[in-house]
C-alpha cells in the first residue's frame, strides 16, 4: 500500500488570502486544496486524508472554532493551524486548548506558516503511526485464546510460572507452553517487551 500524500486544506472566506496561502504552500512543494467556508470543506468530506488544516477563525456561517468543534465530534483528527486577522488572545487560548497546533495572525509570515505546516504534518504522521500500532496490537491480541489472555495478564503482573500454575490449577509446563504462545502471537521476544505491549493495550492488571 502506498502512503497517502498529505494535503494542506486552506479554509478562508477571503479569496485573496486563500489564493495567496495556497500559492505559497504549492511553491513550497505541498499538495493543497482551498475552500471558501467551513461548509464547503465538510461537503468535500476529506476526513480520511492525511494532512492538516489552515483555518481562518472568523468566517460567514460556521466559524473556524465551530468547525474545529464539529470535526472533534466526528472523530476527525486532522491537525489545525488557525489564522486570524485579529490579535484575540482568549480566542487563541481556546483554540489551542481544543487541540489546535498553532495560531497565527494575519498577514501570515511565510516562514511562520511553513514551520507551522511542517509541524502539523509531523503531528498527523505521528498520530497515524500510533493508530496503526494500536490496530496491529489489537489484531495480535485477538489471536490469543481465553487461557492465553489470562496468562498474559498474570505474567505482566510479575507472577512466576509456578505461581500462575497454582492460581489456575494447571501444570507449570502448561503455563510455559501458553506463555510461549503469547510471546509468539504478540510478536515480542522479552518480558519487558510484553509488559510494554500490555501498557499500550491498557490491559487490566498491567
N, C-alpha and C. Protein backbone atom coordinates (compact mmCIF):
# COMPACT_ATOMS: atom_id res chain seq x y z
N UNK A 1 0.85 -1.20 0.00
CA UNK A 1 0.00 0.00 0.00
C UNK A 1 0.88 1.24 0.00
N UNK A 2 0.59 2.17 -0.93
CA UNK A 2 1.38 3.40 -0.99
C UNK A 2 0.88 4.37 0.07
N UNK A 3 1.80 5.15 0.60
CA UNK A 3 1.43 6.11 1.64
C UNK A 3 0.64 7.25 1.02
N UNK A 4 -0.45 7.63 1.68
CA UNK A 4 -1.30 8.70 1.18
C UNK A 4 -0.57 10.03 1.23
N UNK A 5 -0.62 10.78 0.12
CA UNK A 5 0.05 12.08 0.07
C UNK A 5 -0.71 13.07 0.95
N UNK A 6 -0.03 13.73 1.89
CA UNK A 6 -0.73 14.68 2.76
C UNK A 6 -1.20 15.90 2.00
N UNK A 7 -2.37 16.41 2.37
CA UNK A 7 -2.95 17.59 1.74
C UNK A 7 -3.14 18.68 2.79
N UNK A 8 -2.72 19.89 2.45
CA UNK A 8 -2.96 21.04 3.32
C UNK A 8 -4.25 21.69 2.86
N UNK A 9 -5.28 21.64 3.70
CA UNK A 9 -6.59 22.20 3.37
C UNK A 9 -6.65 23.65 3.88
N UNK A 10 -6.80 24.58 2.97
CA UNK A 10 -6.83 26.01 3.32
C UNK A 10 -8.27 26.49 3.28
N UNK A 11 -8.78 26.93 4.44
CA UNK A 11 -10.19 27.35 4.54
C UNK A 11 -10.23 28.82 4.95
N UNK A 12 -10.64 29.68 4.03
CA UNK A 12 -10.68 31.11 4.30
C UNK A 12 -11.68 31.75 3.35
N UNK A 13 -12.58 32.59 3.86
CA UNK A 13 -13.59 33.22 3.00
C UNK A 13 -13.01 34.37 2.18
N UNK A 14 -11.82 34.85 2.53
CA UNK A 14 -11.16 35.92 1.77
C UNK A 14 -10.41 35.28 0.59
N UNK A 15 -10.95 35.48 -0.62
CA UNK A 15 -10.37 34.84 -1.81
C UNK A 15 -8.89 35.15 -1.98
N UNK A 16 -8.51 36.42 -1.76
CA UNK A 16 -7.13 36.82 -2.00
C UNK A 16 -6.19 36.14 -1.00
N UNK A 17 -6.61 36.06 0.26
CA UNK A 17 -5.79 35.40 1.28
C UNK A 17 -5.68 33.91 0.99
N UNK A 18 -6.83 33.30 0.66
CA UNK A 18 -6.83 31.85 0.40
C UNK A 18 -5.92 31.51 -0.79
N UNK A 19 -6.03 32.29 -1.84
CA UNK A 19 -5.20 32.02 -3.02
C UNK A 19 -3.73 32.26 -2.74
N UNK A 20 -3.43 33.32 -1.96
CA UNK A 20 -2.03 33.62 -1.64
C UNK A 20 -1.42 32.51 -0.80
N UNK A 21 -2.16 32.04 0.19
CA UNK A 21 -1.66 30.97 1.06
C UNK A 21 -1.48 29.69 0.25
N UNK A 22 -2.45 29.40 -0.61
CA UNK A 22 -2.38 28.19 -1.44
C UNK A 22 -1.18 28.24 -2.37
N UNK A 23 -0.95 29.39 -2.99
CA UNK A 23 0.21 29.54 -3.89
C UNK A 23 1.51 29.35 -3.13
N UNK A 24 1.59 29.96 -1.95
CA UNK A 24 2.80 29.87 -1.13
C UNK A 24 3.10 28.41 -0.78
N UNK A 25 2.07 27.69 -0.38
CA UNK A 25 2.26 26.30 0.02
C UNK A 25 2.62 25.41 -1.18
N UNK A 26 1.98 25.66 -2.31
CA UNK A 26 2.30 24.90 -3.52
C UNK A 26 3.74 25.15 -3.95
N UNK A 27 4.18 26.41 -3.85
CA UNK A 27 5.55 26.74 -4.21
C UNK A 27 6.55 26.04 -3.29
N UNK A 28 6.11 25.75 -2.06
CA UNK A 28 6.97 25.04 -1.11
C UNK A 28 6.89 23.53 -1.28
N UNK A 29 6.08 23.08 -2.26
CA UNK A 29 6.02 21.65 -2.56
C UNK A 29 4.87 20.90 -1.93
N UNK A 30 3.93 21.61 -1.32
CA UNK A 30 2.81 20.93 -0.65
C UNK A 30 1.62 20.75 -1.59
N UNK A 31 0.92 19.65 -1.42
CA UNK A 31 -0.35 19.43 -2.09
C UNK A 31 -1.39 20.23 -1.32
N UNK A 32 -2.18 21.05 -2.00
CA UNK A 32 -3.13 21.91 -1.29
C UNK A 32 -4.53 21.83 -1.89
N UNK A 33 -5.51 22.24 -1.10
CA UNK A 33 -6.89 22.33 -1.56
C UNK A 33 -7.53 23.51 -0.83
N UNK A 34 -8.19 24.39 -1.58
CA UNK A 34 -8.79 25.57 -0.98
C UNK A 34 -10.30 25.47 -0.84
N UNK A 35 -10.84 26.10 0.20
CA UNK A 35 -12.29 26.12 0.46
C UNK A 35 -12.67 27.52 0.93
N UNK A 36 -13.84 27.99 0.48
CA UNK A 36 -14.28 29.35 0.83
C UNK A 36 -14.95 29.43 2.19
N UNK A 37 -15.36 28.29 2.72
CA UNK A 37 -16.02 28.30 4.03
C UNK A 37 -16.00 26.90 4.62
N UNK A 38 -16.45 26.81 5.87
CA UNK A 38 -16.44 25.52 6.59
C UNK A 38 -17.36 24.50 5.93
N UNK A 39 -18.52 24.97 5.46
CA UNK A 39 -19.47 24.06 4.83
C UNK A 39 -18.90 23.41 3.60
N UNK A 40 -18.19 24.18 2.80
CA UNK A 40 -17.57 23.65 1.58
C UNK A 40 -16.57 22.54 1.92
N UNK A 41 -15.81 22.76 2.98
CA UNK A 41 -14.84 21.75 3.43
C UNK A 41 -15.56 20.48 3.89
N UNK A 42 -16.62 20.64 4.68
CA UNK A 42 -17.35 19.48 5.20
C UNK A 42 -18.01 18.68 4.08
N UNK A 43 -18.50 19.38 3.06
CA UNK A 43 -19.12 18.68 1.93
C UNK A 43 -18.09 17.86 1.15
N UNK A 44 -16.85 18.33 1.13
CA UNK A 44 -15.80 17.59 0.44
C UNK A 44 -15.41 16.33 1.20
N UNK A 45 -15.72 16.30 2.50
CA UNK A 45 -15.50 15.13 3.37
C UNK A 45 -14.12 14.52 3.23
N UNK A 46 -13.06 15.30 3.47
CA UNK A 46 -11.70 14.75 3.34
C UNK A 46 -11.19 14.12 4.64
N UNK A 47 -12.09 13.57 5.47
CA UNK A 47 -11.70 13.09 6.80
C UNK A 47 -10.67 11.98 6.77
N UNK A 48 -10.68 11.18 5.69
CA UNK A 48 -9.76 10.03 5.66
C UNK A 48 -8.37 10.42 5.15
N UNK A 49 -8.25 11.64 4.64
CA UNK A 49 -6.99 12.05 4.05
C UNK A 49 -5.96 12.42 5.10
N UNK A 50 -4.70 12.20 4.74
CA UNK A 50 -3.61 12.67 5.59
C UNK A 50 -3.41 14.16 5.32
N UNK A 51 -2.90 14.89 6.30
CA UNK A 51 -2.62 16.30 6.08
C UNK A 51 -2.94 17.16 7.28
N UNK A 52 -3.38 18.41 7.01
CA UNK A 52 -3.73 19.35 8.08
C UNK A 52 -4.62 20.44 7.51
N UNK A 53 -5.12 21.30 8.42
CA UNK A 53 -5.96 22.41 8.01
C UNK A 53 -5.28 23.74 8.36
N UNK A 54 -5.35 24.68 7.42
CA UNK A 54 -5.01 26.08 7.71
C UNK A 54 -6.36 26.79 7.70
N UNK A 55 -6.83 27.18 8.88
CA UNK A 55 -8.23 27.55 9.06
C UNK A 55 -8.40 28.97 9.58
N UNK A 56 -9.17 29.78 8.84
CA UNK A 56 -9.49 31.13 9.29
C UNK A 56 -10.44 31.05 10.48
N UNK A 57 -10.28 31.93 11.44
CA UNK A 57 -11.13 31.91 12.64
C UNK A 57 -12.51 32.48 12.35
N UNK A 58 -12.54 33.68 11.76
CA UNK A 58 -13.82 34.37 11.55
C UNK A 58 -14.26 34.24 10.10
N UNK A 59 -15.39 33.53 9.89
CA UNK A 59 -15.93 33.35 8.54
C UNK A 59 -17.45 33.41 8.62
N UNK A 60 -18.12 33.81 7.51
CA UNK A 60 -19.57 33.73 7.48
C UNK A 60 -20.00 32.27 7.65
N UNK A 61 -21.13 32.06 8.32
CA UNK A 61 -21.53 30.68 8.59
C UNK A 61 -20.74 30.15 9.77
N UNK A 62 -20.52 28.84 9.82
CA UNK A 62 -19.74 28.28 10.93
C UNK A 62 -18.35 28.92 10.99
N UNK A 63 -17.95 29.34 12.17
CA UNK A 63 -16.62 29.92 12.35
C UNK A 63 -15.57 28.81 12.37
N UNK A 64 -14.32 29.22 12.38
CA UNK A 64 -13.24 28.24 12.46
C UNK A 64 -13.31 27.42 13.74
N UNK A 65 -13.63 28.09 14.85
CA UNK A 65 -13.74 27.39 16.12
C UNK A 65 -14.91 26.40 16.12
N UNK A 66 -16.00 26.79 15.46
CA UNK A 66 -17.15 25.88 15.36
C UNK A 66 -16.82 24.67 14.49
N UNK A 67 -16.06 24.89 13.43
CA UNK A 67 -15.63 23.77 12.58
C UNK A 67 -14.70 22.85 13.37
N UNK A 68 -13.80 23.44 14.15
CA UNK A 68 -12.91 22.63 14.98
C UNK A 68 -13.71 21.72 15.91
N UNK A 69 -14.74 22.28 16.55
CA UNK A 69 -15.57 21.50 17.47
C UNK A 69 -16.33 20.41 16.72
N UNK A 70 -16.82 20.73 15.51
CA UNK A 70 -17.57 19.75 14.73
C UNK A 70 -16.67 18.58 14.31
N UNK A 71 -15.45 18.91 13.90
CA UNK A 71 -14.51 17.86 13.49
C UNK A 71 -14.15 16.96 14.66
N UNK A 72 -14.00 17.57 15.83
CA UNK A 72 -13.68 16.79 17.03
C UNK A 72 -14.81 15.82 17.35
N UNK A 73 -16.06 16.28 17.21
CA UNK A 73 -17.21 15.40 17.46
C UNK A 73 -17.25 14.24 16.47
N UNK A 74 -16.79 14.50 15.24
CA UNK A 74 -16.79 13.47 14.21
C UNK A 74 -15.61 12.50 14.35
N UNK A 75 -14.68 12.82 15.24
CA UNK A 75 -13.50 11.98 15.38
C UNK A 75 -12.46 12.25 14.31
N UNK A 76 -12.59 13.41 13.63
CA UNK A 76 -11.62 13.80 12.60
C UNK A 76 -10.42 14.44 13.31
N UNK A 77 -9.25 13.82 13.18
CA UNK A 77 -8.08 14.26 13.94
C UNK A 77 -7.08 15.07 13.11
N UNK A 78 -7.50 15.60 11.95
CA UNK A 78 -6.58 16.42 11.16
C UNK A 78 -6.11 17.61 12.00
N UNK A 79 -4.80 17.81 12.14
CA UNK A 79 -4.29 18.94 12.92
C UNK A 79 -4.72 20.28 12.31
N UNK A 80 -4.96 21.26 13.17
CA UNK A 80 -5.45 22.57 12.71
C UNK A 80 -4.48 23.68 13.06
N UNK A 81 -4.18 24.50 12.04
CA UNK A 81 -3.44 25.75 12.24
C UNK A 81 -4.45 26.87 12.03
N UNK A 82 -4.71 27.66 13.05
CA UNK A 82 -5.65 28.78 12.91
C UNK A 82 -4.91 30.02 12.43
N UNK A 83 -5.60 30.79 11.60
CA UNK A 83 -5.09 32.12 11.22
C UNK A 83 -6.19 33.13 11.51
N UNK A 84 -5.78 34.30 11.99
CA UNK A 84 -6.78 35.32 12.33
C UNK A 84 -6.24 36.71 12.04
N UNK A 85 -7.15 37.57 11.59
CA UNK A 85 -6.78 38.96 11.38
C UNK A 85 -6.89 39.77 12.64
N UNK A 86 -7.28 39.14 13.72
CA UNK A 86 -7.48 39.83 15.00
C UNK A 86 -6.57 39.20 16.06
N UNK A 87 -5.86 40.02 16.78
CA UNK A 87 -4.98 39.51 17.84
C UNK A 87 -5.78 39.17 19.09
N UNK A 88 -6.64 38.18 18.97
CA UNK A 88 -7.56 37.82 20.04
C UNK A 88 -6.94 36.72 20.90
N UNK A 89 -6.33 37.11 22.02
CA UNK A 89 -5.64 36.14 22.88
C UNK A 89 -6.58 35.11 23.48
N UNK A 90 -7.74 35.50 24.03
CA UNK A 90 -8.66 34.48 24.56
C UNK A 90 -9.07 33.45 23.50
N UNK A 91 -9.28 33.94 22.28
CA UNK A 91 -9.67 33.05 21.19
C UNK A 91 -8.55 32.06 20.88
N UNK A 92 -7.30 32.57 20.84
CA UNK A 92 -6.17 31.69 20.54
C UNK A 92 -5.98 30.65 21.64
N UNK A 93 -6.18 31.06 22.89
CA UNK A 93 -6.07 30.12 24.01
C UNK A 93 -7.13 29.03 23.88
N UNK A 94 -8.35 29.44 23.54
CA UNK A 94 -9.45 28.48 23.37
C UNK A 94 -9.12 27.47 22.27
N UNK A 95 -8.58 27.98 21.16
CA UNK A 95 -8.25 27.11 20.03
C UNK A 95 -7.16 26.11 20.39
N UNK A 96 -6.12 26.58 21.06
CA UNK A 96 -5.01 25.70 21.43
C UNK A 96 -5.47 24.66 22.45
N UNK A 97 -6.27 25.09 23.42
CA UNK A 97 -6.79 24.15 24.42
C UNK A 97 -7.64 23.07 23.76
N UNK A 98 -8.31 23.42 22.67
CA UNK A 98 -9.16 22.45 21.96
C UNK A 98 -8.36 21.57 21.02
N UNK A 99 -7.03 21.78 20.98
CA UNK A 99 -6.19 20.87 20.20
C UNK A 99 -5.49 21.45 18.99
N UNK A 100 -5.69 22.74 18.69
CA UNK A 100 -5.00 23.34 17.54
C UNK A 100 -3.49 23.30 17.75
N UNK A 101 -2.74 23.09 16.68
CA UNK A 101 -1.28 23.01 16.82
C UNK A 101 -0.62 24.37 16.76
N UNK A 102 -1.33 25.38 16.21
CA UNK A 102 -0.74 26.73 16.15
C UNK A 102 -1.84 27.74 15.89
N UNK A 103 -1.51 29.02 16.20
CA UNK A 103 -2.45 30.12 15.99
C UNK A 103 -1.63 31.29 15.45
N UNK A 104 -1.83 31.61 14.18
CA UNK A 104 -1.05 32.66 13.52
C UNK A 104 -1.92 33.87 13.23
N UNK A 105 -1.32 35.04 13.21
CA UNK A 105 -2.06 36.25 12.90
C UNK A 105 -1.75 36.72 11.49
N UNK A 106 -2.77 37.30 10.85
CA UNK A 106 -2.60 37.85 9.51
C UNK A 106 -1.97 39.24 9.60
N UNK A 107 -1.18 39.66 8.61
CA UNK A 107 -0.74 38.83 7.48
C UNK A 107 0.26 37.77 7.95
N UNK A 108 0.04 36.55 7.50
CA UNK A 108 0.86 35.42 7.94
C UNK A 108 2.24 35.50 7.29
N UNK A 109 3.27 35.38 8.11
CA UNK A 109 4.64 35.39 7.60
C UNK A 109 4.97 34.02 6.98
N UNK A 110 5.67 34.06 5.85
CA UNK A 110 5.95 32.83 5.10
C UNK A 110 6.61 31.77 5.97
N UNK A 111 7.69 32.12 6.66
CA UNK A 111 8.42 31.13 7.45
C UNK A 111 7.59 30.59 8.61
N UNK A 112 6.79 31.46 9.20
CA UNK A 112 5.93 31.02 10.30
C UNK A 112 4.91 30.01 9.81
N UNK A 113 4.33 30.28 8.64
CA UNK A 113 3.33 29.37 8.09
C UNK A 113 3.96 28.03 7.71
N UNK A 114 5.10 28.08 7.03
CA UNK A 114 5.75 26.83 6.60
C UNK A 114 6.18 25.99 7.79
N UNK A 115 6.67 26.67 8.83
CA UNK A 115 7.08 25.95 10.04
C UNK A 115 5.86 25.31 10.71
N UNK A 116 4.75 26.04 10.75
CA UNK A 116 3.54 25.52 11.37
C UNK A 116 2.98 24.33 10.59
N UNK A 117 3.01 24.42 9.27
CA UNK A 117 2.52 23.33 8.43
C UNK A 117 3.40 22.09 8.58
N UNK A 118 4.70 22.31 8.60
CA UNK A 118 5.63 21.19 8.79
C UNK A 118 5.37 20.48 10.11
N UNK A 119 5.16 21.28 11.15
CA UNK A 119 4.89 20.72 12.47
C UNK A 119 3.55 19.97 12.49
N UNK A 120 2.53 20.55 11.87
CA UNK A 120 1.20 19.92 11.84
C UNK A 120 1.23 18.59 11.09
N UNK A 121 1.96 18.54 9.99
CA UNK A 121 2.05 17.30 9.22
C UNK A 121 2.81 16.23 10.00
N UNK A 122 3.79 16.65 10.78
CA UNK A 122 4.51 15.69 11.63
C UNK A 122 3.58 15.15 12.71
N UNK A 123 2.74 16.02 13.28
CA UNK A 123 1.74 15.58 14.27
C UNK A 123 0.80 14.57 13.62
N UNK A 124 0.38 14.85 12.39
CA UNK A 124 -0.52 13.95 11.66
C UNK A 124 0.13 12.60 11.39
N UNK A 125 1.40 12.62 11.00
CA UNK A 125 2.11 11.36 10.72
C UNK A 125 2.26 10.54 12.00
N UNK A 126 2.61 11.21 13.09
CA UNK A 126 2.78 10.51 14.36
C UNK A 126 1.46 9.89 14.83
N UNK A 127 0.36 10.64 14.67
CA UNK A 127 -0.95 10.12 15.07
C UNK A 127 -1.33 8.91 14.23
N UNK A 128 -1.04 8.97 12.91
CA UNK A 128 -1.34 7.84 12.03
C UNK A 128 -0.52 6.62 12.42
N UNK A 129 0.74 6.86 12.77
CA UNK A 129 1.61 5.77 13.20
C UNK A 129 1.10 5.14 14.49
N UNK A 130 0.65 5.97 15.42
CA UNK A 130 0.10 5.48 16.69
C UNK A 130 -1.16 4.65 16.45
N UNK A 131 -2.01 5.12 15.54
CA UNK A 131 -3.25 4.38 15.23
C UNK A 131 -2.93 3.03 14.61
N UNK A 132 -1.95 3.02 13.69
CA UNK A 132 -1.56 1.76 13.04
C UNK A 132 -0.98 0.79 14.06
N UNK A 133 -0.17 1.30 14.98
CA UNK A 133 0.41 0.46 16.03
C UNK A 133 -0.69 -0.13 16.92
N UNK A 134 -1.66 0.70 17.32
CA UNK A 134 -2.75 0.23 18.17
C UNK A 134 -3.58 -0.84 17.47
N UNK A 135 -3.85 -0.63 16.17
CA UNK A 135 -4.61 -1.62 15.40
C UNK A 135 -3.85 -2.93 15.28
N UNK A 136 -2.52 -2.84 15.09
CA UNK A 136 -1.69 -4.04 14.99
C UNK A 136 -1.72 -4.83 16.29
N UNK A 137 -1.55 -4.13 17.42
CA UNK A 137 -1.54 -4.82 18.71
C UNK A 137 -2.90 -5.45 19.01
N UNK A 138 -3.97 -4.76 18.67
CA UNK A 138 -5.30 -5.33 18.89
C UNK A 138 -5.51 -6.58 18.04
N UNK A 139 -5.00 -6.55 16.80
CA UNK A 139 -5.15 -7.73 15.94
C UNK A 139 -4.37 -8.91 16.50
N UNK A 140 -3.19 -8.64 17.07
CA UNK A 140 -2.41 -9.71 17.71
C UNK A 140 -3.13 -10.24 18.94
N UNK A 141 -3.68 -9.32 19.74
CA UNK A 141 -4.36 -9.71 20.98
C UNK A 141 -5.58 -10.58 20.68
N UNK A 142 -6.25 -10.29 19.57
CA UNK A 142 -7.44 -11.06 19.20
C UNK A 142 -7.09 -12.51 18.86
N UNK A 143 -5.84 -12.80 18.55
CA UNK A 143 -5.41 -14.16 18.23
C UNK A 143 -5.27 -15.03 19.48
N UNK A 144 -5.19 -14.40 20.64
CA UNK A 144 -4.99 -15.15 21.88
C UNK A 144 -6.27 -15.86 22.30
N UNK A 145 -6.10 -17.07 22.84
CA UNK A 145 -7.25 -17.78 23.42
C UNK A 145 -7.57 -17.16 24.79
N UNK A 146 -8.71 -17.52 25.35
CA UNK A 146 -9.08 -17.01 26.67
C UNK A 146 -8.02 -17.37 27.71
N UNK A 147 -7.51 -18.60 27.65
CA UNK A 147 -6.50 -19.03 28.61
C UNK A 147 -5.21 -18.24 28.42
N UNK A 148 -4.83 -17.99 27.16
CA UNK A 148 -3.61 -17.22 26.89
C UNK A 148 -3.74 -15.78 27.38
N UNK A 149 -4.92 -15.20 27.24
CA UNK A 149 -5.14 -13.83 27.74
C UNK A 149 -5.03 -13.80 29.26
N UNK A 150 -5.55 -14.84 29.90
CA UNK A 150 -5.48 -14.94 31.36
C UNK A 150 -4.02 -15.00 31.82
N UNK A 151 -3.24 -15.82 31.13
CA UNK A 151 -1.83 -15.97 31.48
C UNK A 151 -1.05 -14.70 31.13
N UNK A 152 -1.40 -14.07 30.03
CA UNK A 152 -0.80 -12.78 29.65
C UNK A 152 -0.93 -11.80 30.82
N UNK A 153 -2.13 -11.66 31.35
CA UNK A 153 -2.37 -10.70 32.44
C UNK A 153 -1.55 -11.06 33.69
N UNK A 154 -1.49 -12.33 34.00
CA UNK A 154 -0.75 -12.75 35.19
C UNK A 154 0.76 -12.57 35.00
N UNK A 155 1.25 -12.84 33.81
CA UNK A 155 2.68 -12.68 33.52
C UNK A 155 3.09 -11.22 33.70
N UNK A 156 2.30 -10.28 33.14
CA UNK A 156 2.68 -8.88 33.21
C UNK A 156 2.47 -8.29 34.60
N UNK A 157 1.78 -9.03 35.46
CA UNK A 157 1.68 -8.63 36.87
C UNK A 157 2.92 -9.04 37.64
N UNK A 158 3.81 -9.81 36.99
CA UNK A 158 5.04 -10.23 37.64
C UNK A 158 4.97 -11.59 38.29
N UNK A 159 3.90 -12.35 38.01
CA UNK A 159 3.78 -13.68 38.60
C UNK A 159 4.76 -14.65 37.95
N UNK A 160 5.32 -15.54 38.74
CA UNK A 160 6.19 -16.60 38.24
C UNK A 160 5.34 -17.72 37.65
N UNK A 161 5.97 -18.55 36.80
CA UNK A 161 5.23 -19.66 36.18
C UNK A 161 4.56 -20.55 37.22
N UNK A 162 5.29 -20.86 38.28
CA UNK A 162 4.74 -21.77 39.30
C UNK A 162 3.58 -21.11 40.05
N UNK A 163 3.65 -19.79 40.22
CA UNK A 163 2.55 -19.08 40.87
C UNK A 163 1.31 -19.07 39.98
N UNK A 164 1.54 -18.88 38.68
CA UNK A 164 0.42 -18.90 37.72
C UNK A 164 -0.20 -20.28 37.68
N UNK A 165 0.64 -21.30 37.66
CA UNK A 165 0.15 -22.68 37.64
C UNK A 165 -0.72 -22.97 38.85
N UNK A 166 -0.26 -22.52 40.02
CA UNK A 166 -1.01 -22.73 41.26
C UNK A 166 -2.33 -21.98 41.24
N UNK A 167 -2.30 -20.74 40.75
CA UNK A 167 -3.51 -19.91 40.72
C UNK A 167 -4.57 -20.47 39.77
N UNK A 168 -4.11 -21.07 38.65
CA UNK A 168 -5.06 -21.56 37.64
C UNK A 168 -5.34 -23.06 37.77
N UNK A 169 -4.56 -23.73 38.64
CA UNK A 169 -4.77 -25.16 38.83
C UNK A 169 -4.33 -25.98 37.64
N UNK A 170 -3.25 -25.56 36.98
CA UNK A 170 -2.71 -26.30 35.84
C UNK A 170 -1.23 -26.57 36.06
N UNK A 171 -0.65 -27.43 35.22
CA UNK A 171 0.75 -27.79 35.36
C UNK A 171 1.64 -26.63 34.94
N UNK A 172 2.83 -26.53 35.53
CA UNK A 172 3.76 -25.45 35.20
C UNK A 172 4.19 -25.52 33.75
N UNK A 173 4.36 -26.77 33.23
CA UNK A 173 4.77 -26.90 31.82
C UNK A 173 3.68 -26.38 30.87
N UNK A 174 2.43 -26.49 31.34
CA UNK A 174 1.32 -25.96 30.53
C UNK A 174 1.37 -24.44 30.51
N UNK A 175 1.71 -23.85 31.65
CA UNK A 175 1.87 -22.39 31.72
C UNK A 175 2.98 -21.95 30.77
N UNK A 176 4.10 -22.68 30.79
CA UNK A 176 5.23 -22.34 29.92
C UNK A 176 4.82 -22.41 28.45
N UNK A 177 4.04 -23.42 28.09
CA UNK A 177 3.61 -23.57 26.70
C UNK A 177 2.69 -22.41 26.29
N UNK A 178 1.75 -22.07 27.17
CA UNK A 178 0.85 -20.94 26.87
C UNK A 178 1.62 -19.62 26.80
N UNK A 179 2.57 -19.47 27.70
CA UNK A 179 3.37 -18.25 27.74
C UNK A 179 4.15 -18.08 26.43
N UNK A 180 4.70 -19.18 25.92
CA UNK A 180 5.43 -19.14 24.66
C UNK A 180 4.50 -18.74 23.51
N UNK A 181 3.26 -19.24 23.56
CA UNK A 181 2.29 -18.87 22.52
C UNK A 181 1.93 -17.39 22.60
N UNK A 182 1.81 -16.89 23.82
CA UNK A 182 1.51 -15.46 24.00
C UNK A 182 2.62 -14.61 23.39
N UNK A 183 3.87 -14.97 23.69
CA UNK A 183 5.02 -14.21 23.17
C UNK A 183 5.03 -14.24 21.63
N UNK A 184 4.75 -15.41 21.08
CA UNK A 184 4.78 -15.56 19.62
C UNK A 184 3.65 -14.76 18.96
N UNK A 185 2.45 -14.90 19.49
CA UNK A 185 1.31 -14.22 18.89
C UNK A 185 1.38 -12.70 19.04
N UNK A 186 1.95 -12.24 20.17
CA UNK A 186 2.09 -10.79 20.36
C UNK A 186 3.36 -10.26 19.71
N UNK A 187 4.13 -11.15 19.11
CA UNK A 187 5.35 -10.81 18.35
C UNK A 187 6.35 -10.01 19.20
N UNK A 188 6.63 -10.54 20.40
CA UNK A 188 7.64 -9.95 21.28
C UNK A 188 8.64 -11.03 21.68
N UNK A 189 9.81 -10.59 22.10
CA UNK A 189 10.88 -11.54 22.43
C UNK A 189 11.23 -11.58 23.91
N UNK A 190 10.89 -10.51 24.65
CA UNK A 190 11.27 -10.44 26.05
C UNK A 190 10.08 -10.08 26.92
N UNK A 191 10.21 -10.34 28.22
CA UNK A 191 9.17 -9.97 29.17
C UNK A 191 8.97 -8.46 29.19
N UNK A 192 10.07 -7.72 29.10
CA UNK A 192 9.97 -6.25 29.09
C UNK A 192 9.12 -5.77 27.92
N UNK A 193 9.32 -6.39 26.74
CA UNK A 193 8.51 -6.03 25.57
C UNK A 193 7.04 -6.36 25.81
N UNK A 194 6.78 -7.50 26.44
CA UNK A 194 5.40 -7.91 26.70
C UNK A 194 4.72 -6.95 27.67
N UNK A 195 5.47 -6.50 28.67
CA UNK A 195 4.92 -5.54 29.63
C UNK A 195 4.59 -4.22 28.93
N UNK A 196 5.48 -3.78 28.04
CA UNK A 196 5.22 -2.53 27.29
C UNK A 196 3.96 -2.68 26.42
N UNK A 197 3.82 -3.83 25.77
CA UNK A 197 2.66 -4.08 24.93
C UNK A 197 1.39 -4.06 25.78
N UNK A 198 1.44 -4.67 26.96
CA UNK A 198 0.29 -4.66 27.86
C UNK A 198 -0.11 -3.23 28.22
N UNK A 199 0.89 -2.38 28.45
CA UNK A 199 0.63 -0.98 28.74
C UNK A 199 -0.03 -0.26 27.58
N UNK A 200 0.43 -0.55 26.37
CA UNK A 200 -0.16 0.08 25.18
C UNK A 200 -1.59 -0.40 24.96
N UNK A 201 -1.86 -1.63 25.33
CA UNK A 201 -3.21 -2.17 25.20
C UNK A 201 -4.10 -1.75 26.36
N UNK A 202 -3.49 -1.09 27.36
CA UNK A 202 -4.21 -0.74 28.58
C UNK A 202 -4.86 -1.97 29.18
N UNK A 203 -4.07 -3.05 29.19
CA UNK A 203 -4.56 -4.34 29.67
C UNK A 203 -4.79 -4.27 31.16
N UNK A 204 -5.95 -4.68 31.61
CA UNK A 204 -6.28 -4.65 33.02
C UNK A 204 -5.27 -5.48 33.82
N UNK A 205 -4.71 -4.87 34.84
CA UNK A 205 -3.74 -5.58 35.68
C UNK A 205 -2.32 -5.34 35.27
N UNK A 206 -2.08 -4.64 34.13
CA UNK A 206 -0.70 -4.40 33.68
C UNK A 206 -0.12 -3.19 34.38
